């Protein structure tokens, strides 16, 4: 009988050893988590306390800091097709444009005033010298003129230039 009790006692000792091992692993993981949170707080406490306070409006309500707004791109549809007469030879320009803004209200204004904008842009296209449009400088100059034209319309309609630039999606000169 003494021989039978000895193996049972060894199994209980092994079971208790596994339980202790699991308990030690769990306590180790919890200790590491507590130390990482404490270390993060210790390293970032100066940055958190040095945060700029929010500005307040006249009514005492806090004004949130202005965050940079993502760019919005509005396609000018359909594509512009312009014909030029160069030395008795017909040349064609097909241009697809997008307008870049950061104000969602401007996208609505671009849609609302699309006929006026397209009309004025066609006037800009028709004044161009087709020989200069083939160069990078000519394309950039045209984009700048188109931007100014749209900004003039938006300034007249909503007292804000509204857009940052005009971008080419397609530029085909034949």
N, C-alpha and C. Protein backbone atom coordinates (compact mmCIF):
# COMPACT_ATOMS: atom_id res chain seq x y z
N UNK A 1 0.79 -1.18 0.00
CA UNK A 1 0.00 0.00 0.00
C UNK A 1 0.84 1.25 0.00
N UNK A 2 1.94 1.22 0.64
CA UNK A 2 2.80 2.39 0.68
C UNK A 2 3.30 2.70 -0.71
N UNK A 3 3.50 1.63 -1.50
CA UNK A 3 3.96 1.85 -2.87
C UNK A 3 2.87 2.52 -3.71
N UNK A 4 1.60 2.21 -3.44
CA UNK A 4 0.51 2.80 -4.20
C UNK A 4 0.32 4.27 -3.89
N UNK A 5 0.57 4.69 -2.65
CA UNK A 5 0.38 6.08 -2.26
C UNK A 5 1.47 6.97 -2.84
N UNK A 6 2.62 6.48 -3.01
CA UNK A 6 3.75 7.27 -3.49
C UNK A 6 3.49 7.79 -4.91
N UNK A 7 3.01 6.98 -5.89
CA UNK A 7 2.75 7.53 -7.21
C UNK A 7 1.64 8.58 -7.18
N UNK A 8 0.60 8.44 -6.36
CA UNK A 8 -0.48 9.41 -6.26
C UNK A 8 0.04 10.73 -5.72
N UNK A 9 0.93 10.69 -4.80
CA UNK A 9 1.48 11.92 -4.22
C UNK A 9 2.34 12.63 -5.25
N UNK A 10 3.04 11.89 -6.07
CA UNK A 10 3.86 12.51 -7.11
C UNK A 10 3.00 13.21 -8.17
N UNK A 11 1.85 12.60 -8.53
CA UNK A 11 0.95 13.20 -9.52
C UNK A 11 0.36 14.49 -8.99
N UNK A 12 0.00 14.52 -7.68
CA UNK A 12 -0.53 15.74 -7.09
C UNK A 12 0.54 16.82 -7.07
N UNK A 13 1.76 16.48 -6.79
CA UNK A 13 2.85 17.46 -6.76
C UNK A 13 3.08 18.01 -8.16
N UNK A 14 3.00 17.16 -9.19
CA UNK A 14 3.17 17.63 -10.57
C UNK A 14 2.03 18.55 -10.98
N UNK A 15 0.78 18.22 -10.61
CA UNK A 15 -0.39 19.04 -10.90
C UNK A 15 -0.26 20.40 -10.24
N UNK A 16 0.19 20.46 -9.03
CA UNK A 16 0.39 21.72 -8.32
C UNK A 16 1.51 22.52 -8.95
N UNK A 17 2.50 21.88 -9.50
CA UNK A 17 3.61 22.55 -10.17
C UNK A 17 3.15 23.21 -11.47
N UNK A 18 2.25 22.54 -12.20
CA UNK A 18 1.72 23.11 -13.45
C UNK A 18 0.85 24.32 -13.15
N UNK A 19 0.08 24.22 -12.08
CA UNK A 19 -0.79 25.33 -11.69
C UNK A 19 0.05 26.54 -11.30
N UNK A 20 1.12 26.29 -10.58
CA UNK A 20 2.02 27.39 -10.19
C UNK A 20 2.67 28.03 -11.42
N UNK A 21 3.04 27.21 -12.39
CA UNK A 21 3.67 27.72 -13.60
C UNK A 21 2.69 28.61 -14.38
N UNK A 22 1.45 28.16 -14.53
CA UNK A 22 0.44 28.95 -15.22
C UNK A 22 0.18 30.25 -14.47
N UNK A 23 0.09 30.18 -13.15
CA UNK A 23 -0.14 31.37 -12.33
C UNK A 23 1.02 32.35 -12.47
N UNK A 24 2.22 31.88 -12.51
CA UNK A 24 3.40 32.75 -12.66
C UNK A 24 3.42 33.41 -14.04
N UNK A 25 3.05 32.69 -15.08
CA UNK A 25 3.01 33.25 -16.43
C UNK A 25 1.96 34.36 -16.50
N UNK A 26 0.77 34.12 -15.97
CA UNK A 26 -0.30 35.12 -15.97
C UNK A 26 0.14 36.36 -15.19
N UNK A 27 0.72 36.16 -14.03
CA UNK A 27 1.20 37.31 -13.24
C UNK A 27 2.31 38.06 -13.96
N UNK A 28 3.15 37.35 -14.67
CA UNK A 28 4.22 38.00 -15.44
C UNK A 28 3.65 38.86 -16.56
N UNK A 29 2.65 38.36 -17.27
CA UNK A 29 2.02 39.12 -18.35
C UNK A 29 1.34 40.36 -17.80
N UNK A 30 0.63 40.23 -16.69
CA UNK A 30 -0.05 41.37 -16.07
C UNK A 30 0.98 42.40 -15.61
N UNK A 31 2.07 41.96 -15.03
CA UNK A 31 3.13 42.87 -14.57
C UNK A 31 3.75 43.62 -15.76
N UNK A 32 3.98 42.94 -16.85
CA UNK A 32 4.53 43.59 -18.05
C UNK A 32 3.55 44.63 -18.59
N UNK A 33 2.27 44.31 -18.60
CA UNK A 33 1.27 45.26 -19.08
C UNK A 33 1.23 46.50 -18.19
N UNK A 34 1.27 46.32 -16.88
CA UNK A 34 1.26 47.45 -15.95
C UNK A 34 2.51 48.30 -16.14
N UNK A 35 3.65 47.67 -16.30
CA UNK A 35 4.89 48.42 -16.50
C UNK A 35 4.89 49.18 -17.83
N UNK A 36 4.32 48.61 -18.88
CA UNK A 36 4.30 49.31 -20.17
C UNK A 36 3.36 50.51 -20.12
N UNK A 37 2.23 50.38 -19.47
CA UNK A 37 1.31 51.52 -19.32
C UNK A 37 1.96 52.60 -18.48
N UNK A 38 2.58 52.22 -17.39
CA UNK A 38 3.25 53.20 -16.52
C UNK A 38 4.41 53.88 -17.24
N UNK A 39 5.18 53.14 -18.00
CA UNK A 39 6.29 53.72 -18.75
C UNK A 39 5.81 54.68 -19.83
N UNK A 40 4.74 54.31 -20.51
CA UNK A 40 4.18 55.20 -21.53
C UNK A 40 3.68 56.49 -20.90
N UNK A 41 2.98 56.38 -19.79
CA UNK A 41 2.50 57.57 -19.10
C UNK A 41 3.67 58.45 -18.65
N UNK A 42 4.70 57.83 -18.10
CA UNK A 42 5.86 58.59 -17.62
C UNK A 42 6.55 59.35 -18.76
N UNK A 43 6.67 58.71 -19.92
CA UNK A 43 7.35 59.36 -21.03
C UNK A 43 6.48 60.42 -21.70
N UNK A 44 5.17 60.28 -21.67
CA UNK A 44 4.29 61.21 -22.39
C UNK A 44 3.59 62.22 -21.49
N UNK A 45 3.82 62.19 -20.18
CA UNK A 45 3.09 63.10 -19.30
C UNK A 45 3.43 64.56 -19.57
N UNK A 46 4.67 64.86 -19.97
CA UNK A 46 5.04 66.23 -20.27
C UNK A 46 4.34 66.72 -21.54
N UNK A 47 4.24 65.87 -22.54
CA UNK A 47 3.57 66.26 -23.78
C UNK A 47 2.08 66.43 -23.57
N UNK A 48 1.48 65.63 -22.72
CA UNK A 48 0.04 65.75 -22.47
C UNK A 48 -0.27 67.01 -21.69
N UNK A 49 0.58 67.39 -20.76
CA UNK A 49 0.32 68.60 -19.97
C UNK A 49 0.66 69.86 -20.75
N UNK A 50 1.53 69.76 -21.77
CA UNK A 50 1.92 70.93 -22.56
C UNK A 50 1.00 71.15 -23.76
N UNK A 51 -0.08 70.40 -23.85
CA UNK A 51 -1.00 70.57 -24.99
C UNK A 51 -1.60 71.97 -24.95
N UNK A 52 -1.75 72.55 -26.14
CA UNK A 52 -2.29 73.90 -26.22
C UNK A 52 -3.77 73.88 -25.84
N UNK A 53 -4.17 74.81 -25.01
CA UNK A 53 -5.60 74.85 -24.67
C UNK A 53 -6.40 75.33 -25.87
N UNK A 54 -7.66 74.92 -25.93
CA UNK A 54 -8.53 75.35 -27.00
C UNK A 54 -8.87 76.82 -26.84
N UNK A 55 -9.00 77.50 -27.94
CA UNK A 55 -9.42 78.89 -27.91
C UNK A 55 -10.90 78.93 -27.53
N UNK A 56 -11.33 80.07 -26.99
CA UNK A 56 -12.72 80.19 -26.62
C UNK A 56 -13.37 81.30 -27.42
N UNK A 57 -14.61 81.09 -27.77
CA UNK A 57 -15.37 82.09 -28.50
C UNK A 57 -15.90 83.12 -27.51
N UNK A 58 -16.56 84.14 -28.03
CA UNK A 58 -17.10 85.20 -27.19
C UNK A 58 -18.12 84.67 -26.19
N UNK A 59 -18.82 83.61 -26.55
CA UNK A 59 -19.84 83.05 -25.66
C UNK A 59 -19.25 82.05 -24.66
N UNK A 60 -17.93 81.88 -24.66
CA UNK A 60 -17.27 81.00 -23.71
C UNK A 60 -17.15 79.56 -24.18
N UNK A 61 -17.71 79.23 -25.32
CA UNK A 61 -17.62 77.87 -25.84
C UNK A 61 -16.24 77.65 -26.45
N UNK A 62 -15.63 76.48 -26.22
CA UNK A 62 -14.31 76.23 -26.81
C UNK A 62 -14.40 76.09 -28.32
N UNK A 63 -13.41 76.62 -29.01
CA UNK A 63 -13.30 76.50 -30.46
C UNK A 63 -12.24 75.46 -30.73
N UNK A 64 -12.58 74.38 -31.42
CA UNK A 64 -11.57 73.35 -31.69
C UNK A 64 -10.49 73.88 -32.62
N UNK A 65 -9.28 73.38 -32.42
CA UNK A 65 -8.18 73.77 -33.29
C UNK A 65 -8.48 73.32 -34.71
N UNK A 66 -8.11 74.13 -35.68
CA UNK A 66 -8.36 73.79 -37.08
C UNK A 66 -7.42 72.69 -37.52
N UNK A 67 -8.00 71.64 -37.99
CA UNK A 67 -7.22 70.52 -38.50
C UNK A 67 -7.11 70.68 -40.01
N UNK A 68 -6.01 70.24 -40.59
CA UNK A 68 -5.92 70.31 -42.04
C UNK A 68 -7.00 69.45 -42.67
N UNK A 69 -7.65 70.00 -43.66
CA UNK A 69 -8.75 69.31 -44.31
C UNK A 69 -8.22 68.62 -45.57
N UNK A 70 -8.69 67.44 -45.79
CA UNK A 70 -8.26 66.68 -46.97
C UNK A 70 -8.75 67.38 -48.24
N UNK A 71 -7.98 67.23 -49.27
CA UNK A 71 -8.34 67.83 -50.56
C UNK A 71 -9.53 67.10 -51.16
N UNK A 72 -10.40 67.88 -51.79
CA UNK A 72 -11.55 67.34 -52.51
C UNK A 72 -11.34 67.66 -53.98
N UNK A 73 -11.60 66.69 -54.85
CA UNK A 73 -11.42 66.88 -56.28
C UNK A 73 -12.77 66.78 -56.98
N UNK A 74 -13.11 67.83 -57.71
CA UNK A 74 -14.38 67.88 -58.43
C UNK A 74 -14.08 67.80 -59.93
N UNK A 75 -14.56 66.74 -60.60
CA UNK A 75 -14.31 66.64 -62.05
C UNK A 75 -15.22 67.59 -62.82
N UNK A 76 -14.65 68.26 -63.79
CA UNK A 76 -15.43 69.12 -64.68
C UNK A 76 -15.86 68.25 -65.85
N UNK A 77 -17.12 67.83 -65.85
CA UNK A 77 -17.64 66.93 -66.88
C UNK A 77 -18.60 67.66 -67.79
N UNK A 78 -18.67 67.37 -69.04
CA UNK A 78 -17.83 66.48 -69.85
C UNK A 78 -16.51 67.16 -70.20
N UNK A 79 -15.68 66.44 -70.92
CA UNK A 79 -14.38 66.96 -71.33
C UNK A 79 -14.57 68.15 -72.27
N UNK A 80 -13.61 69.06 -72.24
CA UNK A 80 -13.62 70.22 -73.14
C UNK A 80 -12.97 69.80 -74.47
N UNK A 81 -13.60 70.15 -75.57
CA UNK A 81 -13.03 69.90 -76.90
C UNK A 81 -12.99 71.25 -77.61
N UNK A 82 -11.79 71.67 -77.99
CA UNK A 82 -11.59 72.98 -78.61
C UNK A 82 -10.88 72.76 -79.94
N UNK A 83 -11.33 73.46 -80.98
CA UNK A 83 -10.64 73.36 -82.26
C UNK A 83 -9.90 74.66 -82.54
N UNK A 84 -8.72 74.52 -83.14
CA UNK A 84 -7.86 75.65 -83.48
C UNK A 84 -7.56 75.58 -84.98
N UNK A 85 -7.40 76.74 -85.59
CA UNK A 85 -6.99 76.80 -86.98
C UNK A 85 -5.55 77.34 -86.99
N UNK A 86 -4.62 76.47 -87.33
CA UNK A 86 -3.21 76.85 -87.34
C UNK A 86 -2.69 76.71 -88.77
N UNK A 87 -2.45 77.85 -89.41
CA UNK A 87 -1.93 77.88 -90.78
C UNK A 87 -2.82 77.08 -91.74
N UNK A 88 -4.11 77.24 -91.61
CA UNK A 88 -5.05 76.55 -92.49
C UNK A 88 -5.25 75.09 -92.13
N UNK A 89 -4.63 74.63 -91.07
CA UNK A 89 -4.74 73.24 -90.65
C UNK A 89 -5.54 73.19 -89.34
N UNK A 90 -6.51 72.29 -89.26
CA UNK A 90 -7.34 72.18 -88.05
C UNK A 90 -6.60 71.37 -86.99
N UNK A 91 -6.55 71.92 -85.79
CA UNK A 91 -5.96 71.25 -84.63
C UNK A 91 -7.04 71.13 -83.57
N UNK A 92 -6.99 70.07 -82.80
CA UNK A 92 -7.98 69.85 -81.76
C UNK A 92 -7.30 69.67 -80.41
N UNK A 93 -7.94 70.17 -79.38
CA UNK A 93 -7.49 69.99 -78.01
C UNK A 93 -8.65 69.40 -77.22
N UNK A 94 -8.40 68.26 -76.58
CA UNK A 94 -9.38 67.67 -75.68
C UNK A 94 -8.77 67.65 -74.29
N UNK A 95 -9.47 68.27 -73.34
CA UNK A 95 -8.94 68.40 -71.98
C UNK A 95 -10.01 67.96 -70.99
N UNK A 96 -9.60 67.09 -70.07
CA UNK A 96 -10.44 66.73 -68.93
C UNK A 96 -9.80 67.36 -67.71
N UNK A 97 -10.62 68.07 -66.92
CA UNK A 97 -10.11 68.81 -65.78
C UNK A 97 -10.73 68.33 -64.48
N UNK A 98 -10.00 68.51 -63.40
CA UNK A 98 -10.53 68.37 -62.05
C UNK A 98 -10.12 69.63 -61.30
N UNK A 99 -10.97 70.04 -60.38
CA UNK A 99 -10.71 71.22 -59.58
C UNK A 99 -10.46 70.77 -58.15
N UNK A 100 -9.39 71.29 -57.53
CA UNK A 100 -9.04 70.90 -56.17
C UNK A 100 -9.48 71.99 -55.20
N UNK A 101 -10.20 71.56 -54.16
CA UNK A 101 -10.64 72.46 -53.10
C UNK A 101 -10.53 71.73 -51.77
N UNK A 102 -10.64 72.45 -50.69
CA UNK A 102 -10.67 71.84 -49.37
C UNK A 102 -11.98 72.16 -48.64
N UNK A 103 -12.88 72.83 -49.34
CA UNK A 103 -14.14 73.26 -48.76
C UNK A 103 -15.28 72.50 -49.44
N UNK A 104 -16.02 71.65 -48.71
CA UNK A 104 -17.11 70.90 -49.32
C UNK A 104 -18.20 71.80 -49.93
N UNK A 105 -18.40 72.99 -49.38
CA UNK A 105 -19.41 73.89 -49.92
C UNK A 105 -19.05 74.35 -51.32
N UNK A 106 -17.77 74.42 -51.62
CA UNK A 106 -17.32 74.86 -52.94
C UNK A 106 -17.71 73.84 -54.01
N UNK A 107 -17.71 72.56 -53.66
CA UNK A 107 -18.08 71.52 -54.63
C UNK A 107 -19.52 71.76 -55.10
N UNK A 108 -20.39 72.10 -54.17
CA UNK A 108 -21.77 72.42 -54.55
C UNK A 108 -21.86 73.66 -55.42
N UNK A 109 -21.03 74.66 -55.11
CA UNK A 109 -21.03 75.89 -55.92
C UNK A 109 -20.49 75.62 -57.32
N UNK A 110 -19.52 74.73 -57.43
CA UNK A 110 -18.99 74.38 -58.75
C UNK A 110 -20.07 73.70 -59.59
N UNK A 111 -20.85 72.85 -58.96
CA UNK A 111 -21.94 72.18 -59.69
C UNK A 111 -23.03 73.18 -60.07
N UNK A 112 -23.35 74.07 -59.16
CA UNK A 112 -24.41 75.04 -59.41
C UNK A 112 -24.05 75.99 -60.55
N UNK A 113 -22.81 76.44 -60.56
CA UNK A 113 -22.38 77.43 -61.56
C UNK A 113 -21.59 76.80 -62.71
N UNK A 114 -21.79 75.51 -62.93
CA UNK A 114 -21.07 74.80 -63.98
C UNK A 114 -21.24 75.44 -65.36
N UNK A 115 -22.44 75.85 -65.77
CA UNK A 115 -22.56 76.47 -67.10
C UNK A 115 -21.73 77.76 -67.24
N UNK A 116 -21.75 78.61 -66.23
CA UNK A 116 -20.97 79.85 -66.27
C UNK A 116 -19.47 79.55 -66.28
N UNK A 117 -19.06 78.60 -65.46
CA UNK A 117 -17.64 78.24 -65.39
C UNK A 117 -17.19 77.67 -66.73
N UNK A 118 -17.96 76.75 -67.30
CA UNK A 118 -17.58 76.16 -68.58
C UNK A 118 -17.50 77.21 -69.68
N UNK A 119 -18.45 78.15 -69.69
CA UNK A 119 -18.44 79.22 -70.68
C UNK A 119 -17.16 80.05 -70.57
N UNK A 120 -16.81 80.44 -69.38
CA UNK A 120 -15.61 81.26 -69.20
C UNK A 120 -14.33 80.47 -69.49
N UNK A 121 -14.33 79.18 -69.16
CA UNK A 121 -13.15 78.37 -69.46
C UNK A 121 -12.99 78.18 -70.97
N UNK A 122 -14.09 78.03 -71.68
CA UNK A 122 -13.99 77.92 -73.15
C UNK A 122 -13.40 79.19 -73.74
N UNK A 123 -13.74 80.35 -73.16
CA UNK A 123 -13.13 81.61 -73.60
C UNK A 123 -11.63 81.62 -73.39
N UNK A 124 -11.18 81.08 -72.25
CA UNK A 124 -9.74 81.00 -71.98
C UNK A 124 -9.07 80.07 -72.98
N UNK A 125 -9.68 78.91 -73.22
CA UNK A 125 -9.11 77.96 -74.18
C UNK A 125 -8.99 78.58 -75.57
N UNK A 126 -10.01 79.30 -75.99
CA UNK A 126 -10.00 79.84 -77.36
C UNK A 126 -8.95 80.93 -77.56
N UNK A 127 -8.49 81.56 -76.50
CA UNK A 127 -7.46 82.60 -76.61
C UNK A 127 -6.04 82.04 -76.63
N UNK A 128 -5.88 80.75 -76.50
CA UNK A 128 -4.55 80.14 -76.40
C UNK A 128 -3.88 80.00 -77.76
N UNK A 129 -2.55 80.05 -77.72
CA UNK A 129 -1.73 79.79 -78.90
C UNK A 129 -1.42 78.30 -78.90
N UNK A 130 -1.90 77.59 -79.92
CA UNK A 130 -1.77 76.14 -79.95
C UNK A 130 -0.31 75.69 -79.97
N UNK A 131 0.59 76.50 -80.49
CA UNK A 131 2.00 76.10 -80.55
C UNK A 131 2.63 76.08 -79.15
N UNK A 132 2.12 76.90 -78.24
CA UNK A 132 2.69 76.95 -76.88
C UNK A 132 2.09 75.89 -75.96
N UNK A 133 0.96 75.33 -76.33
CA UNK A 133 0.29 74.34 -75.47
C UNK A 133 1.02 73.00 -75.43
N UNK A 134 1.91 72.76 -76.37
CA UNK A 134 2.65 71.50 -76.39
C UNK A 134 3.75 71.44 -75.34
N UNK A 135 4.16 72.58 -74.79
CA UNK A 135 5.25 72.59 -73.81
C UNK A 135 4.69 72.49 -72.38
N UNK A 136 5.53 72.09 -71.47
CA UNK A 136 5.14 71.98 -70.06
C UNK A 136 4.80 73.36 -69.52
N UNK A 137 5.59 74.36 -69.90
CA UNK A 137 5.33 75.72 -69.44
C UNK A 137 3.99 76.23 -69.95
N UNK A 138 3.66 75.93 -71.20
CA UNK A 138 2.39 76.34 -71.77
C UNK A 138 1.21 75.70 -71.05
N UNK A 139 1.35 74.42 -70.72
CA UNK A 139 0.29 73.72 -70.00
C UNK A 139 0.12 74.30 -68.59
N UNK A 140 1.24 74.60 -67.93
CA UNK A 140 1.16 75.16 -66.59
C UNK A 140 0.54 76.56 -66.61
N UNK A 141 0.91 77.36 -67.62
CA UNK A 141 0.35 78.70 -67.76
C UNK A 141 -1.16 78.61 -67.98
N UNK A 142 -1.60 77.67 -68.80
CA UNK A 142 -3.02 77.47 -69.05
C UNK A 142 -3.73 77.05 -67.76
N UNK A 143 -3.14 76.13 -67.01
CA UNK A 143 -3.75 75.70 -65.74
C UNK A 143 -3.89 76.87 -64.78
N UNK A 144 -2.88 77.74 -64.73
CA UNK A 144 -2.94 78.92 -63.87
C UNK A 144 -4.06 79.86 -64.31
N UNK A 145 -4.20 80.07 -65.62
CA UNK A 145 -5.26 80.93 -66.13
C UNK A 145 -6.64 80.35 -65.83
N UNK A 146 -6.78 79.03 -65.97
CA UNK A 146 -8.05 78.38 -65.67
C UNK A 146 -8.40 78.51 -64.19
N UNK A 147 -7.38 78.36 -63.33
CA UNK A 147 -7.59 78.50 -61.89
C UNK A 147 -8.07 79.91 -61.56
N UNK A 148 -7.41 80.91 -62.12
CA UNK A 148 -7.80 82.29 -61.86
C UNK A 148 -9.22 82.57 -62.36
N UNK A 149 -9.57 82.03 -63.50
CA UNK A 149 -10.92 82.23 -64.05
C UNK A 149 -11.98 81.66 -63.12
N UNK A 150 -11.77 80.44 -62.63
CA UNK A 150 -12.75 79.83 -61.72
C UNK A 150 -12.78 80.58 -60.40
N UNK A 151 -11.62 80.98 -59.89
CA UNK A 151 -11.57 81.73 -58.63
C UNK A 151 -12.32 83.05 -58.76
N UNK A 152 -12.21 83.72 -59.91
CA UNK A 152 -12.95 84.97 -60.11
C UNK A 152 -14.45 84.75 -60.04
N UNK A 153 -14.94 83.67 -60.65
CA UNK A 153 -16.37 83.37 -60.62
C UNK A 153 -16.82 83.06 -59.19
N UNK A 154 -16.06 82.23 -58.49
CA UNK A 154 -16.44 81.87 -57.12
C UNK A 154 -16.36 83.06 -56.17
N UNK A 155 -15.39 83.95 -56.39
CA UNK A 155 -15.29 85.14 -55.57
C UNK A 155 -16.51 86.03 -55.78
N UNK A 156 -16.96 86.16 -57.02
CA UNK A 156 -18.14 86.97 -57.30
C UNK A 156 -19.40 86.34 -56.71
N UNK A 157 -19.47 85.02 -56.68
CA UNK A 157 -20.69 84.34 -56.24
C UNK A 157 -20.72 84.08 -54.73
N UNK A 158 -19.57 83.84 -54.12
CA UNK A 158 -19.59 83.47 -52.70
C UNK A 158 -18.51 84.17 -51.87
N UNK A 159 -17.88 85.19 -52.41
CA UNK A 159 -16.85 85.97 -51.70
C UNK A 159 -15.70 85.12 -51.19
N UNK A 160 -15.38 84.07 -51.92
CA UNK A 160 -14.28 83.19 -51.54
C UNK A 160 -13.74 82.56 -52.82
N UNK A 161 -12.41 82.62 -53.03
CA UNK A 161 -11.87 82.01 -54.25
C UNK A 161 -12.17 80.52 -54.32
N UNK A 162 -12.25 79.86 -53.18
CA UNK A 162 -12.75 78.51 -53.09
C UNK A 162 -11.86 77.38 -53.55
N UNK A 163 -11.12 77.54 -54.63
CA UNK A 163 -10.32 76.44 -55.16
C UNK A 163 -8.84 76.77 -55.05
N UNK A 164 -8.04 75.73 -55.03
CA UNK A 164 -6.59 75.91 -54.97
C UNK A 164 -5.97 75.79 -56.35
N UNK A 165 -6.46 74.84 -57.14
CA UNK A 165 -5.85 74.66 -58.46
C UNK A 165 -6.76 73.86 -59.38
N UNK A 166 -6.43 73.96 -60.65
CA UNK A 166 -7.07 73.15 -61.68
C UNK A 166 -6.04 72.11 -62.10
N UNK A 167 -6.47 70.86 -62.18
CA UNK A 167 -5.57 69.76 -62.52
C UNK A 167 -6.04 69.10 -63.80
N UNK A 168 -5.08 68.67 -64.61
CA UNK A 168 -5.41 67.96 -65.85
C UNK A 168 -5.59 66.48 -65.56
N UNK A 169 -6.69 65.91 -66.01
CA UNK A 169 -6.87 64.46 -65.97
C UNK A 169 -6.51 63.86 -67.31
N UNK A 170 -6.67 64.66 -68.36
CA UNK A 170 -6.33 64.24 -69.72
C UNK A 170 -6.04 65.50 -70.53
N UNK A 171 -5.02 65.43 -71.37
CA UNK A 171 -4.65 66.58 -72.20
C UNK A 171 -4.20 66.01 -73.55
N UNK A 172 -5.08 66.10 -74.54
CA UNK A 172 -4.78 65.53 -75.86
C UNK A 172 -4.79 66.65 -76.88
N UNK A 173 -3.67 66.83 -77.56
CA UNK A 173 -3.53 67.87 -78.57
C UNK A 173 -3.22 67.17 -79.89
N UNK A 174 -4.09 67.39 -80.91
CA UNK A 174 -3.87 66.75 -82.21
C UNK A 174 -3.76 67.82 -83.27
